[in-house]
Full PDB file with SEQRES, HELIX, SHEET, SSBOND, CRYST1, ORIGX, SCALE, CONECT and MASTER records, all heavy atoms in Angstrom:
SEQRES   1 A   43  PRO LYS VAL ALA GLN MET THR ILE SER ASP LEU THR GLU          
SEQRES   2 A   43  GLY GLN ASP ILE VAL ASP THR GLU GLU ILE GLY MET SER          
SEQRES   3 A   43  THR VAL SER VAL THR PRO SER GLU VAL GLY GLY LYS VAL          
SEQRES   4 A   43  ILE ILE THR TYR                                              
CRYST1    1.000    1.000    1.000  90.00  90.00  90.00 P 1           1          
ORIGX1      1.000000  0.000000  0.000000        0.00000                         
ORIGX2      0.000000  1.000000  0.000000        0.00000                         
ORIGX3      0.000000  0.000000  1.000000        0.00000                         
SCALE1      1.000000  0.000000  0.000000        0.00000                         
SCALE2      0.000000  1.000000  0.000000        0.00000                         
SCALE3      0.000000  0.000000  1.000000        0.00000                         
ATOM      1  N   PRO A   1     117.199 106.830 108.265  1.00  0.00           N  
ATOM      2  CA  PRO A   1     116.565 106.529 106.974  1.00  0.00           C  
ATOM      3  C   PRO A   1     117.307 107.203 105.824  1.00  0.00           C  
ATOM      4  O   PRO A   1     117.858 108.293 105.974  1.00  0.00           O  
ATOM      5  CB  PRO A   1     115.158 107.115 107.143  1.00  0.00           C  
ATOM      6  CG  PRO A   1     115.337 108.233 108.114  1.00  0.00           C  
ATOM      7  CD  PRO A   1     116.446 107.830 109.038  1.00  0.00           C  
ATOM      8  N   LYS A   2     117.359 106.522 104.679  1.00  0.00           N  
ATOM      9  CA  LYS A   2     117.901 107.092 103.453  1.00  0.00           C  
ATOM     10  C   LYS A   2     116.862 106.921 102.348  1.00  0.00           C  
ATOM     11  O   LYS A   2     116.134 105.931 102.318  1.00  0.00           O  
ATOM     12  CB  LYS A   2     119.194 106.387 103.036  1.00  0.00           C  
ATOM     13  CG  LYS A   2     120.326 106.515 104.023  1.00  0.00           C  
ATOM     14  CD  LYS A   2     121.640 106.072 103.393  1.00  0.00           C  
ATOM     15  CE  LYS A   2     121.592 104.631 102.948  1.00  0.00           C  
ATOM     16  NZ  LYS A   2     122.873 104.194 102.337  1.00  0.00           N  
ATOM     17  N   VAL A   3     116.791 107.894 101.442  1.00  0.00           N  
ATOM     18  CA  VAL A   3     115.839 107.822 100.337  1.00  0.00           C  
ATOM     19  C   VAL A   3     116.572 107.980  99.020  1.00  0.00           C  
ATOM     20  O   VAL A   3     117.653 108.569  98.943  1.00  0.00           O  
ATOM     21  CB  VAL A   3     114.740 108.901 100.460  1.00  0.00           C  
ATOM     22  CG1 VAL A   3     113.884 108.648 101.688  1.00  0.00           C  
ATOM     23  CG2 VAL A   3     115.344 110.290 100.511  1.00  0.00           C  
ATOM     24  N   ALA A   4     115.978 107.445  97.963  1.00  0.00           N  
ATOM     25  CA  ALA A   4     116.576 107.512  96.638  1.00  0.00           C  
ATOM     26  C   ALA A   4     116.224 108.821  95.947  1.00  0.00           C  
ATOM     27  O   ALA A   4     115.379 109.587  96.421  1.00  0.00           O  
ATOM     28  CB  ALA A   4     116.093 106.324  95.797  1.00  0.00           C  
ATOM     29  N   GLN A   5     116.861 109.083  94.816  1.00  0.00           N  
ATOM     30  CA  GLN A   5     116.533 110.250  94.018  1.00  0.00           C  
ATOM     31  C   GLN A   5     115.256 110.011  93.227  1.00  0.00           C  
ATOM     32  O   GLN A   5     114.952 108.886  92.842  1.00  0.00           O  
ATOM     33  CB  GLN A   5     117.669 110.583  93.047  1.00  0.00           C  
ATOM     34  CG  GLN A   5     118.927 111.098  93.708  1.00  0.00           C  
ATOM     35  CD  GLN A   5     119.989 111.477  92.687  1.00  0.00           C  
ATOM     36  OE1 GLN A   5     120.044 110.911  91.601  1.00  0.00           O  
ATOM     37  NE2 GLN A   5     120.806 112.449  93.036  1.00  0.00           N  
ATOM     38  N   MET A   6     114.512 111.078  92.983  1.00  0.00           N  
ATOM     39  CA  MET A   6     113.322 111.005  92.144  1.00  0.00           C  
ATOM     40  C   MET A   6     113.566 111.733  90.832  1.00  0.00           C  
ATOM     41  O   MET A   6     114.413 112.638  90.756  1.00  0.00           O  
ATOM     42  CB  MET A   6     112.117 111.612  92.867  1.00  0.00           C  
ATOM     43  CG  MET A   6     111.621 110.808  94.041  1.00  0.00           C  
ATOM     44  SD  MET A   6     110.065 111.457  94.694  1.00  0.00           S  
ATOM     45  CE  MET A   6     109.752 110.279  96.009  1.00  0.00           C  
ATOM     46  N   THR A   7     112.839 111.339  89.802  1.00  0.00           N  
ATOM     47  CA  THR A   7     112.968 111.936  88.475  1.00  0.00           C  
ATOM     48  C   THR A   7     111.691 112.685  88.128  1.00  0.00           C  
ATOM     49  O   THR A   7     110.585 112.136  88.243  1.00  0.00           O  
ATOM     50  CB  THR A   7     113.234 110.865  87.412  1.00  0.00           C  
ATOM     51  OG1 THR A   7     114.441 110.155  87.738  1.00  0.00           O  
ATOM     52  CG2 THR A   7     113.396 111.489  86.035  1.00  0.00           C  
ATOM     53  N   ILE A   8     111.828 113.932  87.723  1.00  0.00           N  
ATOM     54  CA  ILE A   8     110.688 114.736  87.305  1.00  0.00           C  
ATOM     55  C   ILE A   8     110.570 114.662  85.782  1.00  0.00           C  
ATOM     56  O   ILE A   8     111.554 114.885  85.057  1.00  0.00           O  
ATOM     57  CB  ILE A   8     110.850 116.197  87.759  1.00  0.00           C  
ATOM     58  CG1 ILE A   8     111.018 116.259  89.285  1.00  0.00           C  
ATOM     59  CG2 ILE A   8     109.666 117.041  87.315  1.00  0.00           C  
ATOM     60  CD1 ILE A   8     109.868 115.672  90.063  1.00  0.00           C  
ATOM     61  N   SER A   9     109.383 114.355  85.277  1.00  0.00           N  
ATOM     62  CA  SER A   9     109.165 114.120  83.847  1.00  0.00           C  
ATOM     63  C   SER A   9     108.522 115.326  83.165  1.00  0.00           C  
ATOM     64  O   SER A   9     107.852 116.147  83.810  1.00  0.00           O  
ATOM     65  CB  SER A   9     108.260 112.894  83.649  1.00  0.00           C  
ATOM     66  OG  SER A   9     108.805 111.759  84.293  1.00  0.00           O  
ATOM     67  N   ASP A  10     108.740 115.414  81.859  1.00  0.00           N  
ATOM     68  CA  ASP A  10     108.035 116.405  81.053  1.00  0.00           C  
ATOM     69  C   ASP A  10     106.573 115.996  80.940  1.00  0.00           C  
ATOM     70  O   ASP A  10     106.247 114.800  80.845  1.00  0.00           O  
ATOM     71  CB  ASP A  10     108.653 116.499  79.657  1.00  0.00           C  
ATOM     72  CG  ASP A  10     110.076 117.034  79.681  1.00  0.00           C  
ATOM     73  OD1 ASP A  10     110.356 117.869  80.567  1.00  0.00           O  
ATOM     74  OD2 ASP A  10     110.899 116.605  78.847  1.00  0.00           O  
ATOM     75  N   LEU A  11     105.692 116.968  80.924  1.00  0.00           N  
ATOM     76  CA  LEU A  11     104.253 116.700  80.845  1.00  0.00           C  
ATOM     77  C   LEU A  11     103.675 117.241  79.550  1.00  0.00           C  
ATOM     78  O   LEU A  11     104.230 118.150  78.923  1.00  0.00           O  
ATOM     79  CB  LEU A  11     103.534 117.338  82.039  1.00  0.00           C  
ATOM     80  CG  LEU A  11     103.992 116.907  83.440  1.00  0.00           C  
ATOM     81  CD1 LEU A  11     103.196 117.655  84.498  1.00  0.00           C  
ATOM     82  CD2 LEU A  11     103.875 115.408  83.613  1.00  0.00           C  
ATOM     83  N   THR A  12     102.558 116.655  79.148  1.00  0.00           N  
ATOM     84  CA  THR A  12     101.815 117.110  77.975  1.00  0.00           C  
ATOM     85  C   THR A  12     100.465 117.617  78.429  1.00  0.00           C  
ATOM     86  O   THR A  12      99.756 116.934  79.189  1.00  0.00           O  
ATOM     87  CB  THR A  12     101.623 115.963  76.966  1.00  0.00           C  
ATOM     88  OG1 THR A  12     102.916 115.470  76.565  1.00  0.00           O  
ATOM     89  CG2 THR A  12     100.863 116.452  75.736  1.00  0.00           C  
ATOM     90  N   GLU A  13     100.109 118.797  77.992  1.00  0.00           N  
ATOM     91  CA  GLU A  13      98.852 119.411  78.405  1.00  0.00           C  
ATOM     92  C   GLU A  13      97.672 118.495  78.086  1.00  0.00           C  
ATOM     93  O   GLU A  13      97.567 117.943  76.982  1.00  0.00           O  
ATOM     94  CB  GLU A  13      98.666 120.754  77.702  1.00  0.00           C  
ATOM     95  CG  GLU A  13      97.414 121.493  78.135  1.00  0.00           C  
ATOM     96  CD  GLU A  13      97.245 122.814  77.410  1.00  0.00           C  
ATOM     97  OE1 GLU A  13      98.106 123.172  76.588  1.00  0.00           O  
ATOM     98  OE2 GLU A  13      96.227 123.485  77.669  1.00  0.00           O  
ATOM     99  N   GLY A  14      96.833 118.313  79.088  1.00  0.00           N  
ATOM    100  CA  GLY A  14      95.633 117.513  78.906  1.00  0.00           C  
ATOM    101  C   GLY A  14      95.827 116.033  79.125  1.00  0.00           C  
ATOM    102  O   GLY A  14      94.868 115.259  79.021  1.00  0.00           O  
ATOM    103  N   GLN A  15      97.041 115.606  79.400  1.00  0.00           N  
ATOM    104  CA  GLN A  15      97.296 114.189  79.641  1.00  0.00           C  
ATOM    105  C   GLN A  15      97.694 113.967  81.102  1.00  0.00           C  
ATOM    106  O   GLN A  15      98.381 114.792  81.705  1.00  0.00           O  
ATOM    107  CB  GLN A  15      98.409 113.670  78.723  1.00  0.00           C  
ATOM    108  CG  GLN A  15      98.020 113.645  77.260  1.00  0.00           C  
ATOM    109  CD  GLN A  15      99.090 112.983  76.405  1.00  0.00           C  
ATOM    110  OE1 GLN A  15     100.056 112.424  76.909  1.00  0.00           O  
ATOM    111  NE2 GLN A  15      98.912 113.051  75.087  1.00  0.00           N  
ATOM    112  N   ASP A  16      97.249 112.836  81.644  1.00  0.00           N  
ATOM    113  CA  ASP A  16      97.524 112.511  83.037  1.00  0.00           C  
ATOM    114  C   ASP A  16      99.006 112.176  83.214  1.00  0.00           C  
ATOM    115  O   ASP A  16      99.688 111.755  82.271  1.00  0.00           O  
ATOM    116  CB  ASP A  16      96.674 111.306  83.453  1.00  0.00           C  
ATOM    117  CG  ASP A  16      96.585 111.165  84.968  1.00  0.00           C  
ATOM    118  OD1 ASP A  16      97.153 112.020  85.669  1.00  0.00           O  
ATOM    119  OD2 ASP A  16      95.957 110.201  85.431  1.00  0.00           O  
ATOM    120  N   ILE A  17      99.503 112.373  84.422  1.00  0.00           N  
ATOM    121  CA  ILE A  17     100.868 111.957  84.761  1.00  0.00           C  
ATOM    122  C   ILE A  17     100.870 110.446  84.934  1.00  0.00           C  
ATOM    123  O   ILE A  17     100.147 109.900  85.773  1.00  0.00           O  
ATOM    124  CB  ILE A  17     101.354 112.649  86.058  1.00  0.00           C  
ATOM    125  CG1 ILE A  17     101.340 114.171  85.895  1.00  0.00           C  
ATOM    126  CG2 ILE A  17     102.752 112.160  86.430  1.00  0.00           C  
ATOM    127  CD1 ILE A  17     101.713 114.925  87.152  1.00  0.00           C  
ATOM    128  N   VAL A  18     101.682 109.781  84.134  1.00  0.00           N  
ATOM    129  CA  VAL A  18     101.670 108.314  84.158  1.00  0.00           C  
ATOM    130  C   VAL A  18     102.836 107.731  84.948  1.00  0.00           C  
ATOM    131  O   VAL A  18     102.773 106.599  85.424  1.00  0.00           O  
ATOM    132  CB  VAL A  18     101.681 107.748  82.721  1.00  0.00           C  
ATOM    133  CG1 VAL A  18     100.393 108.137  81.998  1.00  0.00           C  
ATOM    134  CG2 VAL A  18     102.895 108.238  81.955  1.00  0.00           C  
ATOM    135  N   ASP A  19     103.923 108.500  85.081  1.00  0.00           N  
ATOM    136  CA  ASP A  19     105.093 107.988  85.803  1.00  0.00           C  
ATOM    137  C   ASP A  19     104.924 108.168  87.301  1.00  0.00           C  
ATOM    138  O   ASP A  19     104.595 109.261  87.777  1.00  0.00           O  
ATOM    139  CB  ASP A  19     106.366 108.710  85.349  1.00  0.00           C  
ATOM    140  CG  ASP A  19     106.693 108.420  83.899  1.00  0.00           C  
ATOM    141  OD1 ASP A  19     106.371 107.320  83.436  1.00  0.00           O  
ATOM    142  OD2 ASP A  19     107.257 109.321  83.237  1.00  0.00           O  
ATOM    143  N   THR A  20     105.142 107.092  88.055  1.00  0.00           N  
ATOM    144  CA  THR A  20     105.077 107.138  89.513  1.00  0.00           C  
ATOM    145  C   THR A  20     106.479 106.922  90.080  1.00  0.00           C  
ATOM    146  O   THR A  20     107.153 105.955  89.729  1.00  0.00           O  
ATOM    147  CB  THR A  20     104.141 106.043  90.060  1.00  0.00           C  
ATOM    148  OG1 THR A  20     102.838 106.231  89.505  1.00  0.00           O  
ATOM    149  CG2 THR A  20     104.062 106.110  91.573  1.00  0.00           C  
ATOM    150  N   GLU A  21     106.883 107.820  90.926  1.00  0.00           N  
ATOM    151  CA  GLU A  21     108.228 107.735  91.500  1.00  0.00           C  
ATOM    152  C   GLU A  21     108.214 106.961  92.815  1.00  0.00           C  
ATOM    153  O   GLU A  21     107.249 107.036  93.577  1.00  0.00           O  
ATOM    154  CB  GLU A  21     108.797 109.144  91.730  1.00  0.00           C  
ATOM    155  CG  GLU A  21     108.944 109.967  90.466  1.00  0.00           C  
ATOM    156  CD  GLU A  21     109.831 109.312  89.450  1.00  0.00           C  
ATOM    157  OE1 GLU A  21     110.891 108.782  89.834  1.00  0.00           O  
ATOM    158  OE2 GLU A  21     109.466 109.303  88.256  1.00  0.00           O  
ATOM    159  N   GLU A  22     109.293 106.247  93.057  1.00  0.00           N  
ATOM    160  CA  GLU A  22     109.445 105.473  94.288  1.00  0.00           C  
ATOM    161  C   GLU A  22     110.260 106.264  95.306  1.00  0.00           C  
ATOM    162  O   GLU A  22     111.256 106.909  94.963  1.00  0.00           O  
ATOM    163  CB  GLU A  22     110.154 104.143  94.011  1.00  0.00           C  
ATOM    164  CG  GLU A  22     109.380 103.204  93.104  1.00  0.00           C  
ATOM    165  CD  GLU A  22     108.114 102.678  93.754  1.00  0.00           C  
ATOM    166  OE1 GLU A  22     108.056 102.646  95.006  1.00  0.00           O  
ATOM    167  OE2 GLU A  22     107.186 102.309  93.015  1.00  0.00           O  
ATOM    168  N   ILE A  23     109.812 106.217  96.542  1.00  0.00           N  
ATOM    169  CA  ILE A  23     110.589 106.859  97.608  1.00  0.00           C  
ATOM    170  C   ILE A  23     111.934 106.163  97.777  1.00  0.00           C  
ATOM    171  O   ILE A  23     112.959 106.790  98.025  1.00  0.00           O  
ATOM    172  CB  ILE A  23     109.802 106.836  98.939  1.00  0.00           C  
ATOM    173  CG1 ILE A  23     108.520 107.672  98.798  1.00  0.00           C  
ATOM    174  CG2 ILE A  23     110.666 107.371 100.083  1.00  0.00           C  
ATOM    175  CD1 ILE A  23     107.633 107.626 100.018  1.00  0.00           C  
ATOM    176  N   GLY A  24     111.947 104.853  97.634  1.00  0.00           N  
ATOM    177  CA  GLY A  24     113.199 104.108  97.722  1.00  0.00           C  
ATOM    178  C   GLY A  24     113.873 104.215  99.077  1.00  0.00           C  
ATOM    179  O   GLY A  24     115.085 104.414  99.162  1.00  0.00           O  
ATOM    180  N   MET A  25     113.093 104.089 100.136  1.00  0.00           N  
ATOM    181  CA  MET A  25     113.655 104.268 101.475  1.00  0.00           C  
ATOM    182  C   MET A  25     114.389 103.026 101.961  1.00  0.00           C  
ATOM    183  O   MET A  25     113.920 101.904 101.796  1.00  0.00           O  
ATOM    184  CB  MET A  25     112.552 104.633 102.465  1.00  0.00           C  
ATOM    185  CG  MET A  25     113.069 104.859 103.889  1.00  0.00           C  
ATOM    186  SD  MET A  25     111.787 105.395 105.047  1.00  0.00           S  
ATOM    187  CE  MET A  25     111.503 107.075 104.458  1.00  0.00           C  
ATOM    188  N   SER A  26     115.550 103.261 102.536  1.00  0.00           N  
ATOM    189  CA  SER A  26     116.296 102.211 103.217  1.00  0.00           C  
ATOM    190  C   SER A  26     116.790 102.793 104.533  1.00  0.00           C  
ATOM    191  O   SER A  26     116.707 104.002 104.762  1.00  0.00           O  
ATOM    192  CB  SER A  26     117.475 101.730 102.366  1.00  0.00           C  
ATOM    193  OG  SER A  26     118.361 102.799 102.109  1.00  0.00           O  
ATOM    194  N   THR A  27     117.293 101.953 105.399  1.00  0.00           N  
ATOM    195  CA  THR A  27     117.735 102.435 106.711  1.00  0.00           C  
ATOM    196  C   THR A  27     119.114 101.890 107.050  1.00  0.00           C  
ATOM    197  O   THR A  27     119.533 100.834 106.570  1.00  0.00           O  
ATOM    198  CB  THR A  27     116.751 102.031 107.827  1.00  0.00           C  
ATOM    199  OG1 THR A  27     116.655 100.597 107.866  1.00  0.00           O  
ATOM    200  CG2 THR A  27     115.385 102.642 107.593  1.00  0.00           C  
ATOM    201  N   VAL A  28     119.827 102.648 107.872  1.00  0.00           N  
ATOM    202  CA  VAL A  28     121.093 102.223 108.440  1.00  0.00           C  
ATOM    203  C   VAL A  28     120.904 102.155 109.952  1.00  0.00           C  
ATOM    204  O   VAL A  28     120.485 103.138 110.572  1.00  0.00           O  
ATOM    205  CB  VAL A  28     122.221 103.210 108.099  1.00  0.00           C  
ATOM    206  CG1 VAL A  28     123.514 102.810 108.809  1.00  0.00           C  
ATOM    207  CG2 VAL A  28     122.449 103.274 106.605  1.00  0.00           C  
ATOM    208  N   SER A  29     121.179 100.995 110.552  1.00  0.00           N  
ATOM    209  CA  SER A  29     121.029 100.815 111.996  1.00  0.00           C  
ATOM    210  C   SER A  29     122.404 100.601 112.625  1.00  0.00           C  
ATOM    211  O   SER A  29     123.176  99.765 112.158  1.00  0.00           O  
ATOM    212  CB  SER A  29     120.131  99.614 112.303  1.00  0.00           C  
ATOM    213  OG  SER A  29     118.832  99.796 111.759  1.00  0.00           O  
ATOM    214  N   VAL A  30     122.694 101.363 113.669  1.00  0.00           N  
ATOM    215  CA  VAL A  30     124.002 101.258 114.322  1.00  0.00           C  
ATOM    216  C   VAL A  30     123.827 101.240 115.832  1.00  0.00           C  
ATOM    217  O   VAL A  30     122.934 101.893 116.382  1.00  0.00           O  
ATOM    218  CB  VAL A  30     124.939 102.413 113.919  1.00  0.00           C  
ATOM    219  CG1 VAL A  30     125.385 102.254 112.487  1.00  0.00           C  
ATOM    220  CG2 VAL A  30     124.275 103.758 114.105  1.00  0.00           C  
ATOM    221  N   THR A  31     124.695 100.493 116.492  1.00  0.00           N  
ATOM    222  CA  THR A  31     124.680 100.369 117.951  1.00  0.00           C  
ATOM    223  C   THR A  31     126.077 100.647 118.495  1.00  0.00           C  
ATOM    224  O   THR A  31     127.053 100.038 118.033  1.00  0.00           O  
ATOM    225  CB  THR A  31     124.246  98.956 118.379  1.00  0.00           C  
ATOM    226  OG1 THR A  31     122.952  98.671 117.836  1.00  0.00           O  
ATOM    227  CG2 THR A  31     124.190  98.843 119.890  1.00  0.00           C  
ATOM    228  N   PRO A  32     126.225 101.569 119.425  1.00  0.00           N  
ATOM    229  CA  PRO A  32     127.557 101.889 119.951  1.00  0.00           C  
ATOM    230  C   PRO A  32     128.115 100.763 120.814  1.00  0.00           C  
ATOM    231  O   PRO A  32     127.385  99.911 121.318  1.00  0.00           O  
ATOM    232  CB  PRO A  32     127.302 103.153 120.788  1.00  0.00           C  
ATOM    233  CG  PRO A  32     125.870 103.060 121.183  1.00  0.00           C  
ATOM    234  CD  PRO A  32     125.166 102.387 120.044  1.00  0.00           C  
ATOM    235  N   SER A  33     129.429 100.771 120.979  1.00  0.00           N  
ATOM    236  CA  SER A  33     130.096  99.799 121.849  1.00  0.00           C  
ATOM    237  C   SER A  33     131.154 100.518 122.670  1.00  0.00           C  
ATOM    238  O   SER A  33     131.604 101.612 122.324  1.00  0.00           O  
ATOM    239  CB  SER A  33     130.730  98.670 121.029  1.00  0.00           C  
ATOM    240  OG  SER A  33     131.657  99.191 120.100  1.00  0.00           O  
ATOM    241  N   GLU A  34     131.589  99.891 123.747  1.00  0.00           N  
ATOM    242  CA  GLU A  34     132.489 100.528 124.702  1.00  0.00           C  
ATOM    243  C   GLU A  34     133.955 100.370 124.317  1.00  0.00           C  
ATOM    244  O   GLU A  34     134.365  99.342 123.767  1.00  0.00           O  
ATOM    245  CB  GLU A  34     132.285  99.944 126.099  1.00  0.00           C  
ATOM    246  CG  GLU A  34     131.002 100.379 126.777  1.00  0.00           C  
ATOM    247  CD  GLU A  34     130.927  99.876 128.198  1.00  0.00           C  
ATOM    248  OE1 GLU A  34     131.126  98.662 128.411  1.00  0.00           O  
ATOM    249  OE2 GLU A  34     130.686 100.685 129.105  1.00  0.00           O  
ATOM    250  N   VAL A  35     134.736 101.392 124.615  1.00  0.00           N  
ATOM    251  CA  VAL A  35     136.200 101.322 124.555  1.00  0.00           C  
ATOM    252  C   VAL A  35     136.706 101.942 125.850  1.00  0.00           C  
ATOM    253  O   VAL A  35     135.983 102.682 126.521  1.00  0.00           O  
ATOM    254  CB  VAL A  35     136.772 102.080 123.338  1.00  0.00           C  
ATOM    255  CG1 VAL A  35     136.214 101.531 122.039  1.00  0.00           C  
ATOM    256  CG2 VAL A  35     136.481 103.579 123.447  1.00  0.00           C  
ATOM    257  N   GLY A  36     137.940 101.648 126.214  1.00  0.00           N  
ATOM    258  CA  GLY A  36     138.440 102.237 127.457  1.00  0.00           C  
ATOM    259  C   GLY A  36     139.861 101.840 127.786  1.00  0.00           C  
ATOM    260  O   GLY A  36     140.489 101.050 127.081  1.00  0.00           O  
ATOM    261  N   GLY A  37     140.366 102.430 128.848  1.00  0.00           N  
ATOM    262  CA  GLY A  37     141.709 102.133 129.321  1.00  0.00           C  
ATOM    263  C   GLY A  37     141.831 102.497 130.798  1.00  0.00           C  
ATOM    264  O   GLY A  37     140.964 103.163 131.369  1.00  0.00           O  
ATOM    265  N   LYS A  38     142.921 102.047 131.402  1.00  0.00           N  
ATOM    266  CA  LYS A  38     143.127 102.280 132.828  1.00  0.00           C  
ATOM    267  C   LYS A  38     144.529 102.800 133.083  1.00  0.00           C  
ATOM    268  O   LYS A  38     145.494 102.359 132.458  1.00  0.00           O  
ATOM    269  CB  LYS A  38     142.912 100.973 133.614  1.00  0.00           C  
ATOM    270  CG  LYS A  38     143.099 101.118 135.119  1.00  0.00           C  
ATOM    271  CD  LYS A  38     142.704  99.836 135.843  1.00  0.00           C  
ATOM    272  CE  LYS A  38     143.702  98.717 135.618  1.00  0.00           C  
ATOM    273  NZ  LYS A  38     143.409  97.533 136.459  1.00  0.00           N  
ATOM    274  N   VAL A  39     144.628 103.761 133.998  1.00  0.00           N  
ATOM    275  CA  VAL A  39     145.918 104.303 134.425  1.00  0.00           C  
ATOM    276  C   VAL A  39     146.029 104.133 135.935  1.00  0.00           C  
ATOM    277  O   VAL A  39     145.065 104.414 136.660  1.00  0.00           O  
ATOM    278  CB  VAL A  39     146.046 105.793 134.068  1.00  0.00           C  
ATOM    279  CG1 VAL A  39     147.361 106.354 134.600  1.00  0.00           C  
ATOM    280  CG2 VAL A  39     145.977 105.997 132.565  1.00  0.00           C  
ATOM    281  N   ILE A  40     147.178 103.663 136.396  1.00  0.00           N  
ATOM    282  CA  ILE A  40     147.417 103.517 137.829  1.00  0.00           C  
ATOM    283  C   ILE A  40     148.370 104.621 138.278  1.00  0.00           C  
ATOM    284  O   ILE A  40     149.481 104.743 137.745  1.00  0.00           O  
ATOM    285  CB  ILE A  40     147.998 102.135 138.164  1.00  0.00           C  
ATOM    286  CG1 ILE A  40     146.968 101.041 137.835  1.00  0.00           C  
ATOM    287  CG2 ILE A  40     148.411 102.062 139.624  1.00  0.00           C  
ATOM    288  CD1 ILE A  40     147.483  99.635 138.039  1.00  0.00           C  
ATOM    289  N   ILE A  41     147.921 105.428 139.232  1.00  0.00           N  
ATOM    290  CA  ILE A  41     148.734 106.517 139.769  1.00  0.00           C  
ATOM    291  C   ILE A  41     149.052 106.188 141.227  1.00  0.00           C  
ATOM    292  O   ILE A  41     148.167 106.186 142.077  1.00  0.00           O  
ATOM    293  CB  ILE A  41     147.991 107.861 139.676  1.00  0.00           C  
ATOM    294  CG1 ILE A  41     147.586 108.129 138.216  1.00  0.00           C  
ATOM    295  CG2 ILE A  41     148.854 108.993 140.208  1.00  0.00           C  
ATOM    296  CD1 ILE A  41     146.762 109.376 138.039  1.00  0.00           C  
ATOM    297  N   THR A  42     150.284 105.899 141.508  1.00  0.00           N  
ATOM    298  CA  THR A  42     150.666 105.459 142.847  1.00  0.00           C  
ATOM    299  C   THR A  42     150.740 106.634 143.811  1.00  0.00           C  
ATOM    300  O   THR A  42     150.918 107.792 143.413  1.00  0.00           O  
ATOM    301  CB  THR A  42     152.028 104.758 142.815  1.00  0.00           C  
ATOM    302  OG1 THR A  42     153.030 105.697 142.417  1.00  0.00           O  
ATOM    303  CG2 THR A  42     152.015 103.582 141.845  1.00  0.00           C  
ATOM    304  N   TYR A  43     150.634 106.320 145.092  1.00  0.00           N  
ATOM    305  CA  TYR A  43     150.776 107.350 146.124  1.00  0.00           C  
ATOM    306  C   TYR A  43     152.136 108.041 145.996  1.00  0.00           C  
ATOM    307  O   TYR A  43     152.256 109.259 146.131  1.00  0.00           O  
ATOM    308  CB  TYR A  43     150.687 106.726 147.518  1.00  0.00           C  
ATOM    309  CG  TYR A  43     149.352 106.123 147.879  1.00  0.00           C  
ATOM    310  CD1 TYR A  43     149.225 105.362 149.043  1.00  0.00           C  
ATOM    311  CD2 TYR A  43     148.225 106.312 147.085  1.00  0.00           C  
ATOM    312  CE1 TYR A  43     148.013 104.809 149.410  1.00  0.00           C  
ATOM    313  CE2 TYR A  43     147.011 105.758 147.434  1.00  0.00           C  
ATOM    314  CZ  TYR A  43     146.902 105.006 148.592  1.00  0.00           C  
ATOM    315  OH  TYR A  43     145.708 104.461 148.951  1.00  0.00           O  
TER     316      TYR A  43                                                      
MASTER        0    0    0    0    0    0    0    6  315    1    0    4          
END                                                                             
């Protein structure tokens, strides 16, 4: 998961906080895959 930056606002005494910040979550999904090689060692 990845989240966005949030902004903190200046407040005024006696007034409600009006700005709502978004989490802004996104995700990165990854799946591994195989790699390989072969060596032949003779008698």
